[in-house]
């Protein structure tokens, strides 16, 4: 059966193109899917333009040469002083991540800790019939009691598919934010100093710092910023695409793209230079090829890349 109906309520051509692109590259697309896509693509010039734009970004991954041999030659030609400065900068930044960032020690307390390794999506089946999907590099602590089911998101992103149990609410917390399921499937992400909750099914009540709950319904996404703002909008394909092996970015800051890449490749990618973190990125990428994604970003954004031991990559403005 065609999945055309799942796209019919999406009016924005760019968002719909992202949905079709992931569907047609999933390996599960049917003949009806392809026929329905052809109808959508022919409906307006904007539809075809947006889909073709994603295709060009995707094809960059296959056609861009691997820059590493040339970069090794350039590295040998750099002065000892420049290499020392770069290495010190990288090691300082990496040390800060290890000591204070999301990949530090996992406190278990009375709960049970689960983690997905770099480059791994992990399913965790819980005793109540619920299950969690952990995005790469994510960590949670699960605590069940007589009166509550609690998932503490330590870092990264988790989707909870919740089994009904009226006597025991199901909560996912991310720092000061608590998202309580009302019989549902939803995704909670913790990035930098903000949290987001996207609802795939039913409804979620979101609380922060004792404030009254805000209800988020199916197809919506709530972003809670460090400054206290709560921005309610439409859920994105990016909220679940990682489970099918895709990274989806739609006008996303480069610092957030790099954070996502760091979940999928060993080592650490670091941005150096004022203003670079705020550069905007759009595209659909394969999580199985994070270095190819890095190569495509370096070329399309005209960046300079320096590779150091241990998988450390420095990106500067070209």
Protein backbone atom coordinates (compact mmCIF):
# COMPACT_ATOMS: atom_id res chain seq x y z
CA UNK A 1 0.00 0.00 0.00
CA UNK A 2 1.27 3.44 -0.84
CA UNK A 3 2.47 5.76 1.91
CA UNK A 4 1.20 8.74 -0.01
CA UNK A 5 -1.35 9.57 2.69
CA UNK A 6 1.37 10.20 5.25
CA UNK A 7 2.58 13.14 3.17
CA UNK A 8 -0.78 14.61 2.21
CA UNK A 9 -1.02 16.93 5.21
CA UNK A 10 2.41 18.48 4.64
CA UNK A 11 2.08 21.68 2.65
CA UNK A 12 5.66 22.86 2.55
CA UNK A 13 7.49 21.65 -0.56
CA UNK A 14 10.88 21.47 1.12
CA UNK A 15 9.65 19.39 4.07
CA UNK A 16 7.68 17.11 1.76
CA UNK A 17 10.71 16.67 -0.49
CA UNK A 18 12.73 15.56 2.54
CA UNK A 19 10.07 12.98 3.38
CA UNK A 20 9.93 11.63 -0.14
CA UNK A 21 13.72 11.54 -0.41
CA UNK A 22 14.14 9.42 2.70
CA UNK A 23 11.22 7.17 1.73
CA UNK A 24 12.52 6.48 -1.78
CA UNK A 25 16.07 5.83 -0.48
CA UNK A 26 14.94 3.59 2.38
CA UNK A 27 14.93 0.35 0.39
CA UNK A 28 11.26 -0.17 1.32
CA UNK A 29 9.61 2.02 -1.30
CA UNK A 30 6.89 0.26 -3.31
CA UNK A 31 5.78 0.74 -6.90
CA UNK A 32 2.80 2.73 -5.57
CA UNK A 33 5.21 4.96 -3.65
CA UNK A 34 7.14 5.76 -6.82
CA UNK A 35 3.92 6.45 -8.71
CA UNK A 36 2.63 8.73 -5.95
CA UNK A 37 5.96 10.55 -5.83
CA UNK A 38 5.82 11.15 -9.59
CA UNK A 39 2.40 12.76 -9.20
CA UNK A 40 3.64 14.99 -6.36
CA UNK A 41 6.84 15.97 -8.20
CA UNK A 42 4.89 16.97 -11.30
CA UNK A 43 2.32 19.01 -9.38
CA UNK A 44 4.44 22.18 -9.14
CA UNK A 45 7.91 23.30 -10.31
CA UNK A 46 8.82 23.98 -6.67
CA UNK A 47 8.26 20.32 -5.74
CA UNK A 48 10.69 19.07 -8.38
CA UNK A 49 13.22 21.81 -7.59
CA UNK A 50 13.30 20.96 -3.88
CA UNK A 51 13.69 17.25 -4.52
CA UNK A 52 16.44 17.82 -7.11
CA UNK A 53 18.26 20.08 -4.64
CA UNK A 54 18.41 17.23 -2.13
CA UNK A 55 19.58 14.90 -4.86
CA UNK A 56 22.51 17.16 -5.66
CA UNK A 57 23.52 17.29 -1.99
CA UNK A 58 23.30 13.50 -1.75
CA UNK A 59 25.33 12.97 -4.94
CA UNK A 60 28.11 15.16 -3.56
CA UNK A 61 28.93 12.29 -1.21
CA UNK A 62 29.76 10.00 -4.15
CA UNK A 63 31.57 12.47 -6.39
CA UNK A 64 33.73 14.48 -4.02
CA UNK A 65 37.29 13.13 -3.82
CA UNK A 66 38.72 12.09 -0.49
CA UNK A 67 40.87 15.07 0.54
CA UNK A 68 42.98 13.26 3.11
CA UNK A 69 46.10 12.42 1.02
CA UNK A 70 46.41 16.02 -0.12
CA UNK A 71 45.83 17.24 3.39
CA UNK A 72 48.58 14.99 4.70
CA UNK A 73 50.96 16.64 2.22
CA UNK A 74 49.78 20.07 3.32
CA UNK A 75 50.22 19.09 6.95
CA UNK A 76 53.84 18.12 6.33
CA UNK A 77 54.43 21.52 4.74
CA UNK A 78 53.02 23.45 7.69
CA UNK A 79 55.39 24.89 10.20
CA UNK A 80 56.04 23.15 13.52
CA UNK A 81 54.55 26.13 15.31
CA UNK A 82 51.22 25.96 13.44
CA UNK A 83 50.92 22.22 14.09
CA UNK A 84 51.64 22.77 17.77
CA UNK A 85 49.00 25.48 18.07
CA UNK A 86 46.41 23.33 16.32
CA UNK A 87 47.19 20.32 18.45
CA UNK A 88 47.00 22.29 21.69
CA UNK A 89 43.70 23.83 20.61
CA UNK A 90 42.26 20.44 19.74
CA UNK A 91 43.44 18.72 22.89
CA UNK A 92 42.07 21.53 25.05
CA UNK A 93 38.68 21.31 23.38
CA UNK A 94 38.59 17.52 23.53
CA UNK A 95 39.52 17.59 27.21
CA UNK A 96 36.66 20.00 27.86
CA UNK A 97 34.23 17.64 26.12
CA UNK A 98 35.44 14.62 28.06
CA UNK A 99 35.37 16.36 31.41
CA UNK A 100 32.17 18.38 31.18
CA UNK A 101 30.29 17.26 28.09
CA UNK A 102 27.72 14.59 27.35
CA UNK A 103 30.19 11.70 27.19
CA UNK A 104 31.39 11.93 30.79
CA UNK A 105 30.74 9.32 33.52
CA UNK A 106 27.23 7.92 33.64
CA UNK A 107 25.74 8.14 37.15
CA UNK A 108 23.47 5.16 37.72
CA UNK A 109 22.14 5.68 41.25
CA UNK A 110 19.24 3.28 41.78
CA UNK A 111 18.45 3.03 38.07
CA UNK A 112 19.76 0.94 35.22
CA UNK A 113 21.97 2.68 32.66
CA UNK A 114 21.84 2.06 28.90
CA UNK A 115 24.09 3.59 26.26
CA UNK A 116 24.35 3.49 22.48
CA UNK A 117 27.92 3.51 21.21
CA UNK A 118 29.23 5.91 18.60
CA UNK A 119 27.66 4.98 15.27
CA UNK A 120 25.07 2.68 16.87
CA UNK A 121 21.28 2.90 17.20
CA UNK A 122 20.15 0.69 20.07
CA UNK A 123 16.74 -0.65 21.02
CA UNK A 124 16.07 -1.24 24.73
CA UNK A 125 13.02 -3.35 25.66
CA UNK A 126 11.65 -2.47 29.10
CA UNK A 127 9.92 -4.74 31.59
CA UNK A 128 6.53 -3.01 31.22
CA UNK A 129 6.32 -3.64 27.47
CA UNK A 130 7.57 -0.19 26.48
CA UNK A 131 10.76 0.22 24.48
CA UNK A 132 13.37 2.89 23.87
CA UNK A 133 15.35 3.70 20.74
CA UNK A 134 18.69 5.30 21.61
CA UNK A 135 20.38 7.46 19.00
CA UNK A 136 24.12 7.05 18.49
CA UNK A 137 26.18 8.32 21.43
CA UNK A 138 23.14 8.63 23.70
CA UNK A 139 22.79 7.60 27.34
CA UNK A 140 19.82 7.08 29.64
CA UNK A 141 19.11 5.87 33.17
CA UNK A 142 15.85 3.96 33.63
CA UNK A 143 14.17 3.75 37.03
CA UNK A 144 10.88 1.92 37.59
CA UNK A 145 9.01 2.08 40.88
CA UNK A 146 5.56 1.19 42.11
CA UNK A 147 4.22 4.62 41.19
CA UNK A 148 6.38 5.90 38.31
CA UNK A 149 8.35 4.90 35.24
CA UNK A 150 11.25 7.29 34.70
CA UNK A 151 13.84 7.67 31.93
CA UNK A 152 16.59 10.22 32.58
CA UNK A 153 18.18 11.30 29.29
CA UNK A 154 21.82 11.96 30.18
CA UNK A 155 22.88 12.91 26.66
CA UNK A 156 21.79 12.63 23.06
CA UNK A 157 18.36 11.56 21.85
CA UNK A 158 15.84 8.86 22.73
CA UNK A 159 12.48 7.79 21.36
CA UNK A 160 10.07 6.23 23.85
CA UNK A 161 7.25 3.96 22.67
CA UNK A 162 5.14 3.65 25.78
CA UNK A 163 2.94 0.77 26.97
CA UNK A 164 -0.23 1.92 28.74
CA UNK A 165 -0.21 1.72 32.55
CA UNK A 166 -2.57 4.29 34.14
CA UNK A 167 -1.22 3.56 37.62
CA UNK A 168 2.38 4.46 36.68
CA UNK A 169 3.05 7.58 34.59
CA UNK A 170 5.92 7.38 32.09
CA UNK A 171 8.31 10.34 32.21
CA UNK A 172 11.40 11.23 30.18
CA UNK A 173 13.53 13.99 31.69
CA UNK A 174 16.25 16.07 30.04
CA UNK A 175 17.79 18.33 32.67
CA UNK A 176 14.97 20.46 34.15
CA UNK A 177 12.47 19.34 31.48
CA UNK A 178 10.04 16.45 32.03
CA UNK A 179 7.92 15.02 29.21
CA UNK A 180 5.09 12.82 30.48
CA UNK A 181 3.48 10.36 28.07
CA UNK A 182 -0.27 10.17 27.72
CA UNK A 183 -0.15 6.80 25.91
CA UNK A 184 2.25 7.68 23.12
CA UNK A 185 5.44 7.55 21.10
CA UNK A 186 7.71 10.58 21.32
CA UNK A 187 11.32 11.69 20.91
CA UNK A 188 13.28 13.73 23.43
CA UNK A 189 16.62 15.32 22.54
CA UNK A 190 19.15 17.19 24.65
CA UNK A 191 21.55 19.37 22.67
CA UNK A 192 23.79 22.13 24.00
CA UNK A 193 21.61 23.86 26.60
CA UNK A 194 18.20 23.19 25.09
CA UNK A 195 15.75 20.30 24.95
CA UNK A 196 13.21 19.34 22.32
CA UNK A 197 10.20 17.02 22.41
CA UNK A 198 8.63 15.73 19.19
CA UNK A 199 5.45 13.65 19.34
CA UNK A 200 4.89 10.86 16.83
CA UNK A 201 1.71 9.48 18.41
CA UNK A 202 -0.93 10.74 20.85
CA UNK A 203 -0.02 13.48 23.34
CA UNK A 204 2.72 14.54 25.80
CA UNK A 205 2.61 16.96 28.73
CA UNK A 206 5.88 18.92 29.09
CA UNK A 207 6.91 20.58 32.36
CA UNK A 208 9.93 22.70 33.22
CA UNK A 209 11.00 24.05 36.63
CA UNK A 210 7.59 23.61 38.22
CA UNK A 211 5.79 25.63 35.53
CA UNK A 212 2.33 24.57 34.35
CA UNK A 213 2.46 21.75 31.80
CA UNK A 214 2.37 22.48 28.07
CA UNK A 215 0.59 19.94 25.91
CA UNK A 216 2.29 18.74 22.72
CA UNK A 217 0.20 16.70 20.31
CA UNK A 218 0.96 14.32 17.46
CA UNK A 219 2.96 15.99 14.69
CA UNK A 220 4.21 18.83 16.92
CA UNK A 221 7.66 19.65 18.27
CA UNK A 222 8.41 21.80 21.32
CA UNK A 223 11.85 23.38 21.75
CA UNK A 224 12.78 24.68 25.20
CA UNK A 225 15.75 27.05 25.03
CA UNK A 226 18.33 28.01 27.63
CA UNK A 227 16.79 31.48 27.86
CA UNK A 228 13.43 30.04 28.94
CA UNK A 229 11.61 30.35 25.62
CA UNK A 230 9.24 27.58 24.52
CA UNK A 231 8.84 27.36 20.75
CA UNK A 232 6.08 25.11 19.45
CA UNK A 233 6.19 24.07 15.82
CA UNK A 234 5.74 21.18 13.45
CA UNK A 235 7.65 17.95 14.00
CA UNK A 236 10.42 17.26 11.50
CA UNK A 237 11.51 14.17 9.65
CA UNK A 238 14.86 14.61 11.43
CA UNK A 239 13.20 13.55 14.70
CA UNK A 240 13.02 9.91 13.54
CA UNK A 241 15.12 9.63 10.35
CA UNK A 242 18.19 8.56 12.37
CA UNK A 243 16.47 5.24 13.06
CA UNK A 244 16.52 4.43 9.33
CA UNK A 245 20.13 5.51 8.78
CA UNK A 246 19.70 9.13 7.70
CA UNK A 247 20.79 12.48 9.05
CA UNK A 248 18.31 15.15 7.92
CA UNK A 249 19.19 18.83 8.25
CA UNK A 250 16.94 21.65 7.14
CA UNK A 251 18.51 25.09 7.62
CA UNK A 252 20.41 23.86 10.70
CA UNK A 253 23.39 25.58 12.35
CA UNK A 254 26.73 23.96 11.48
CA UNK A 255 27.49 23.46 15.19
CA UNK A 256 24.41 21.21 15.42
CA UNK A 257 25.44 19.28 12.31
CA UNK A 258 28.89 18.71 13.84
CA UNK A 259 27.29 17.54 17.10
CA UNK A 260 25.32 14.99 15.07
CA UNK A 261 28.43 13.87 13.17
CA UNK A 262 30.26 13.35 16.44
CA UNK A 263 27.63 10.76 17.36
CA UNK A 264 28.41 8.75 14.25
CA UNK A 265 32.18 8.83 13.84
CA UNK A 266 35.06 8.01 16.21
CA UNK A 267 37.01 11.04 17.34
CA UNK A 268 35.83 14.64 17.50
CA UNK A 269 35.11 17.31 14.90
CA UNK A 270 35.84 20.84 16.16
CA UNK A 271 34.95 24.22 14.66
CA UNK A 272 37.56 26.98 14.88
CA UNK A 273 36.87 30.61 14.04
CA UNK A 274 34.22 33.19 14.84
CA UNK A 275 30.93 32.81 13.03
CA UNK A 276 31.57 29.33 11.69
CA UNK A 277 29.24 27.58 14.13
CA UNK A 278 26.28 29.64 12.90
CA UNK A 279 26.64 28.73 9.20
CA UNK A 280 23.43 27.11 7.92
CA UNK A 281 23.26 23.62 6.41
CA UNK A 282 20.55 21.67 4.57
CA UNK A 283 20.77 18.12 3.29
CA UNK A 284 20.04 14.43 3.70
CA UNK A 285 23.06 12.28 4.56
CA UNK A 286 23.83 8.62 5.20
CA UNK A 287 24.79 7.80 8.79
CA UNK A 288 26.89 4.87 7.51
CA UNK A 289 29.34 7.32 5.88
CA UNK A 290 30.06 10.10 8.37
CA UNK A 291 33.47 10.91 6.87
CA UNK A 292 31.87 11.30 3.46
CA UNK A 293 29.41 13.75 5.03
CA UNK A 294 32.36 15.63 6.51
CA UNK A 295 34.03 15.75 3.11
CA UNK A 296 30.85 17.08 1.48
CA UNK A 297 30.43 19.78 4.12
CA UNK A 298 34.06 20.84 3.79
CA UNK A 299 33.72 21.22 0.02
CA UNK A 300 30.28 22.83 -0.18
CA UNK A 301 30.95 25.32 2.64
CA UNK A 302 34.53 26.02 1.44
CA UNK A 303 36.17 25.01 4.72
CA UNK A 304 39.75 24.00 5.51
CA UNK A 305 40.18 20.68 7.26
CA UNK A 306 43.04 19.54 9.46
CA UNK A 307 43.14 15.91 10.66
CA UNK A 308 45.01 15.07 13.84
CA UNK A 309 45.67 11.77 15.63
CA UNK A 310 42.79 10.09 17.42
CA UNK A 311 40.15 11.07 14.85
CA UNK A 312 40.28 14.78 15.74
CA UNK A 313 39.29 17.02 12.82
CA UNK A 314 39.62 20.80 12.88
CA UNK A 315 37.41 22.84 10.55
CA UNK A 316 38.22 26.46 9.70
CA UNK A 317 36.85 28.92 7.23
CA UNK A 318 38.64 28.49 3.88
